[in-house]
Amino acid sequence: QLPQPGFVVISENYHPVWKFYVDGKRVQSYIANYAFMAIYCPAGEHKIVAKFESNYHRLGFILCSLGFAISLIALIIVVKKP
């Protein structure tokens, strides 16, 4: 809850893949105090959500899932052979 508009500083190292949402709307993040992140918020009470949205994490999850599925299929084929 902010009595007036201002920046909210998040004590986490700045990284561009962090995405911030204020009341469901995407907002820009800024570098604060040389290392941390900050977002601008209007006055009042708000819900702030931070998500680490990296395409590399998604790609890793997809490749891992694909590898697991292939391994599972191969195991089923080997077990079914007489």
N, C-alpha and C. Protein backbone atom coordinates (compact mmCIF):
# COMPACT_ATOMS: atom_id res chain seq x y z
N GLN A 1 0.85 -1.17 0.00
CA GLN A 1 0.00 0.00 0.00
C GLN A 1 0.90 1.23 0.00
N LEU A 2 0.73 2.08 -1.01
CA LEU A 2 1.54 3.27 -1.16
C LEU A 2 0.70 4.52 -0.92
N PRO A 3 1.16 5.43 -0.06
CA PRO A 3 0.41 6.66 0.16
C PRO A 3 0.50 7.62 -1.03
N GLN A 4 1.57 7.46 -1.84
CA GLN A 4 1.73 8.30 -3.03
C GLN A 4 2.44 7.48 -4.10
N PRO A 5 2.36 7.90 -5.37
CA PRO A 5 3.04 7.14 -6.42
C PRO A 5 4.55 7.11 -6.19
N GLY A 6 5.17 6.01 -6.57
CA GLY A 6 6.62 5.91 -6.41
C GLY A 6 7.15 4.58 -6.88
N PHE A 7 8.44 4.40 -6.66
CA PHE A 7 9.10 3.17 -7.06
C PHE A 7 9.14 2.18 -5.90
N VAL A 8 8.91 0.93 -6.23
CA VAL A 8 9.04 -0.16 -5.27
C VAL A 8 10.33 -0.89 -5.62
N VAL A 9 11.26 -0.97 -4.68
CA VAL A 9 12.55 -1.62 -4.92
C VAL A 9 12.46 -3.07 -4.45
N ILE A 10 12.87 -3.97 -5.33
CA ILE A 10 12.86 -5.40 -5.04
C ILE A 10 14.31 -5.81 -4.76
N SER A 11 14.55 -6.39 -3.61
CA SER A 11 15.91 -6.76 -3.20
C SER A 11 16.34 -8.08 -3.83
N GLU A 12 16.39 -8.08 -5.12
CA GLU A 12 16.83 -9.23 -5.91
C GLU A 12 17.72 -8.67 -7.01
N ASN A 13 18.78 -9.37 -7.35
CA ASN A 13 19.68 -8.87 -8.39
C ASN A 13 18.94 -8.66 -9.69
N TYR A 14 19.24 -7.56 -10.35
CA TYR A 14 18.58 -7.23 -11.61
C TYR A 14 18.93 -8.25 -12.68
N HIS A 15 17.92 -8.69 -13.40
CA HIS A 15 18.10 -9.53 -14.57
C HIS A 15 16.94 -9.24 -15.51
N PRO A 16 17.21 -9.04 -16.80
CA PRO A 16 16.15 -8.63 -17.73
C PRO A 16 15.04 -9.65 -17.95
N VAL A 17 15.24 -10.92 -17.58
CA VAL A 17 14.17 -11.89 -17.80
C VAL A 17 13.09 -11.85 -16.72
N TRP A 18 13.31 -11.09 -15.64
CA TRP A 18 12.25 -10.91 -14.65
C TRP A 18 11.16 -10.06 -15.27
N LYS A 19 9.91 -10.49 -15.16
CA LYS A 19 8.76 -9.74 -15.65
C LYS A 19 7.89 -9.40 -14.45
N PHE A 20 7.42 -8.16 -14.40
CA PHE A 20 6.62 -7.69 -13.28
C PHE A 20 5.23 -7.29 -13.75
N TYR A 21 4.26 -7.60 -12.89
CA TYR A 21 2.87 -7.28 -13.18
C TYR A 21 2.28 -6.58 -11.96
N VAL A 22 1.63 -5.45 -12.20
CA VAL A 22 0.94 -4.72 -11.14
C VAL A 22 -0.54 -4.78 -11.46
N ASP A 23 -1.30 -5.41 -10.60
CA ASP A 23 -2.73 -5.62 -10.80
C ASP A 23 -3.02 -6.29 -12.15
N GLY A 24 -2.17 -7.24 -12.54
CA GLY A 24 -2.36 -7.99 -13.76
C GLY A 24 -1.82 -7.33 -15.02
N LYS A 25 -1.31 -6.11 -14.92
CA LYS A 25 -0.78 -5.41 -16.09
C LYS A 25 0.74 -5.43 -16.06
N ARG A 26 1.35 -5.77 -17.19
CA ARG A 26 2.81 -5.82 -17.30
C ARG A 26 3.38 -4.42 -17.14
N VAL A 27 4.42 -4.29 -16.31
CA VAL A 27 5.10 -3.01 -16.10
C VAL A 27 6.59 -3.18 -16.33
N GLN A 28 7.24 -2.09 -16.66
CA GLN A 28 8.68 -2.11 -16.92
C GLN A 28 9.45 -2.13 -15.61
N SER A 29 10.57 -2.85 -15.63
CA SER A 29 11.44 -2.86 -14.45
C SER A 29 12.66 -1.99 -14.73
N TYR A 30 13.24 -1.47 -13.67
CA TYR A 30 14.39 -0.58 -13.75
C TYR A 30 15.49 -1.08 -12.82
N ILE A 31 16.73 -0.66 -13.10
CA ILE A 31 17.83 -0.97 -12.19
C ILE A 31 17.80 0.05 -11.06
N ALA A 32 17.85 -0.45 -9.83
CA ALA A 32 17.83 0.43 -8.66
C ALA A 32 19.05 0.15 -7.80
N ASN A 33 19.66 1.19 -7.28
CA ASN A 33 20.81 1.07 -6.38
C ASN A 33 21.93 0.21 -6.97
N TYR A 34 22.16 0.35 -8.26
CA TYR A 34 23.24 -0.31 -9.01
C TYR A 34 23.08 -1.81 -9.20
N ALA A 35 22.21 -2.46 -8.49
CA ALA A 35 22.16 -3.92 -8.59
C ALA A 35 20.76 -4.52 -8.49
N PHE A 36 19.84 -3.81 -7.89
CA PHE A 36 18.52 -4.37 -7.63
C PHE A 36 17.50 -3.94 -8.68
N MET A 37 16.27 -4.37 -8.51
CA MET A 37 15.20 -4.04 -9.45
C MET A 37 14.19 -3.12 -8.79
N ALA A 38 13.54 -2.31 -9.62
CA ALA A 38 12.50 -1.43 -9.13
C ALA A 38 11.40 -1.34 -10.17
N ILE A 39 10.18 -1.14 -9.70
CA ILE A 39 9.05 -0.91 -10.59
C ILE A 39 8.29 0.30 -10.09
N TYR A 40 7.64 1.00 -11.01
CA TYR A 40 6.86 2.17 -10.64
C TYR A 40 5.44 1.74 -10.33
N CYS A 41 4.90 2.24 -9.23
CA CYS A 41 3.53 1.92 -8.83
C CYS A 41 2.78 3.21 -8.51
N PRO A 42 1.52 3.30 -8.91
CA PRO A 42 0.72 4.44 -8.50
C PRO A 42 0.32 4.31 -7.03
N ALA A 43 -0.22 5.38 -6.48
CA ALA A 43 -0.66 5.36 -5.08
C ALA A 43 -1.78 4.34 -4.90
N GLY A 44 -1.88 3.80 -3.70
CA GLY A 44 -2.95 2.86 -3.38
C GLY A 44 -2.43 1.47 -3.11
N GLU A 45 -3.36 0.53 -2.99
CA GLU A 45 -3.02 -0.86 -2.71
C GLU A 45 -3.02 -1.64 -4.01
N HIS A 46 -1.96 -2.43 -4.23
CA HIS A 46 -1.80 -3.15 -5.49
C HIS A 46 -1.28 -4.55 -5.23
N LYS A 47 -1.55 -5.43 -6.19
CA LYS A 47 -0.99 -6.77 -6.17
C LYS A 47 0.17 -6.79 -7.17
N ILE A 48 1.37 -7.09 -6.67
CA ILE A 48 2.56 -7.13 -7.51
C ILE A 48 2.99 -8.59 -7.67
N VAL A 49 3.18 -9.00 -8.92
CA VAL A 49 3.61 -10.36 -9.21
C VAL A 49 4.90 -10.29 -10.01
N ALA A 50 5.89 -11.09 -9.62
CA ALA A 50 7.16 -11.18 -10.33
C ALA A 50 7.30 -12.60 -10.89
N LYS A 51 7.67 -12.69 -12.17
CA LYS A 51 7.85 -13.99 -12.81
C LYS A 51 9.20 -14.01 -13.52
N PHE A 52 9.93 -15.10 -13.35
CA PHE A 52 11.20 -15.29 -14.05
C PHE A 52 10.88 -16.03 -15.33
N GLU A 53 10.71 -15.30 -16.42
CA GLU A 53 10.25 -15.87 -17.68
C GLU A 53 11.40 -15.93 -18.69
N SER A 54 12.16 -16.99 -18.64
CA SER A 54 13.29 -17.17 -19.54
C SER A 54 12.93 -18.18 -20.62
N ASN A 55 13.21 -17.84 -21.87
CA ASN A 55 12.95 -18.78 -22.96
C ASN A 55 13.84 -20.01 -22.85
N TYR A 56 15.03 -19.85 -22.28
CA TYR A 56 15.94 -20.99 -22.12
C TYR A 56 15.37 -22.00 -21.13
N HIS A 57 14.69 -21.54 -20.09
CA HIS A 57 14.07 -22.47 -19.15
C HIS A 57 12.94 -23.25 -19.82
N ARG A 58 12.16 -22.57 -20.64
CA ARG A 58 11.08 -23.25 -21.37
C ARG A 58 11.66 -24.29 -22.32
N LEU A 59 12.69 -23.89 -23.07
CA LEU A 59 13.32 -24.81 -24.01
C LEU A 59 13.90 -26.02 -23.27
N GLY A 60 14.54 -25.78 -22.14
CA GLY A 60 15.09 -26.88 -21.35
C GLY A 60 14.00 -27.83 -20.87
N PHE A 61 12.87 -27.27 -20.43
CA PHE A 61 11.76 -28.11 -19.97
C PHE A 61 11.21 -28.95 -21.12
N ILE A 62 11.05 -28.34 -22.29
CA ILE A 62 10.52 -29.06 -23.46
C ILE A 62 11.48 -30.18 -23.87
N LEU A 63 12.78 -29.87 -23.95
CA LEU A 63 13.75 -30.90 -24.34
C LEU A 63 13.84 -32.02 -23.31
N CYS A 64 13.76 -31.67 -22.05
CA CYS A 64 13.80 -32.68 -20.98
C CYS A 64 12.57 -33.59 -21.06
N SER A 65 11.41 -33.00 -21.27
CA SER A 65 10.17 -33.77 -21.38
C SER A 65 10.21 -34.68 -22.59
N LEU A 66 10.73 -34.16 -23.70
CA LEU A 66 10.84 -34.96 -24.92
C LEU A 66 11.79 -36.14 -24.70
N GLY A 67 12.92 -35.89 -24.07
CA GLY A 67 13.87 -36.96 -23.77
C GLY A 67 13.26 -38.02 -22.86
N PHE A 68 12.51 -37.58 -21.86
CA PHE A 68 11.85 -38.52 -20.95
C PHE A 68 10.83 -39.38 -21.70
N ALA A 69 10.04 -38.74 -22.59
CA ALA A 69 9.03 -39.48 -23.35
C ALA A 69 9.68 -40.51 -24.27
N ILE A 70 10.77 -40.12 -24.93
CA ILE A 70 11.47 -41.06 -25.81
C ILE A 70 12.04 -42.23 -25.01
N SER A 71 12.62 -41.94 -23.85
CA SER A 71 13.17 -43.00 -23.00
C SER A 71 12.08 -43.95 -22.53
N LEU A 72 10.93 -43.41 -22.16
CA LEU A 72 9.81 -44.22 -21.71
C LEU A 72 9.30 -45.12 -22.83
N ILE A 73 9.18 -44.58 -24.03
CA ILE A 73 8.74 -45.38 -25.18
C ILE A 73 9.75 -46.49 -25.48
N ALA A 74 11.04 -46.15 -25.45
CA ALA A 74 12.08 -47.15 -25.70
C ALA A 74 12.03 -48.26 -24.65
N LEU A 75 11.82 -47.90 -23.40
CA LEU A 75 11.73 -48.89 -22.32
C LEU A 75 10.54 -49.81 -22.53
N ILE A 76 9.41 -49.27 -22.92
CA ILE A 76 8.21 -50.08 -23.17
C ILE A 76 8.46 -51.05 -24.32
N ILE A 77 9.12 -50.59 -25.38
CA ILE A 77 9.41 -51.45 -26.53
C ILE A 77 10.36 -52.59 -26.13
N VAL A 78 11.39 -52.29 -25.35
CA VAL A 78 12.35 -53.30 -24.92
C VAL A 78 11.69 -54.33 -24.00
N VAL A 79 10.84 -53.90 -23.10
CA VAL A 79 10.18 -54.81 -22.16
C VAL A 79 9.18 -55.71 -22.87
N LYS A 80 8.53 -55.23 -23.93
CA LYS A 80 7.52 -56.03 -24.63
C LYS A 80 8.13 -57.10 -25.53
N LYS A 81 9.41 -56.98 -25.90
CA LYS A 81 10.03 -57.99 -26.77
C LYS A 81 10.11 -59.33 -26.03
N PRO A 82 9.79 -60.43 -26.75
CA PRO A 82 9.84 -61.75 -26.10
C PRO A 82 11.25 -62.25 -25.87
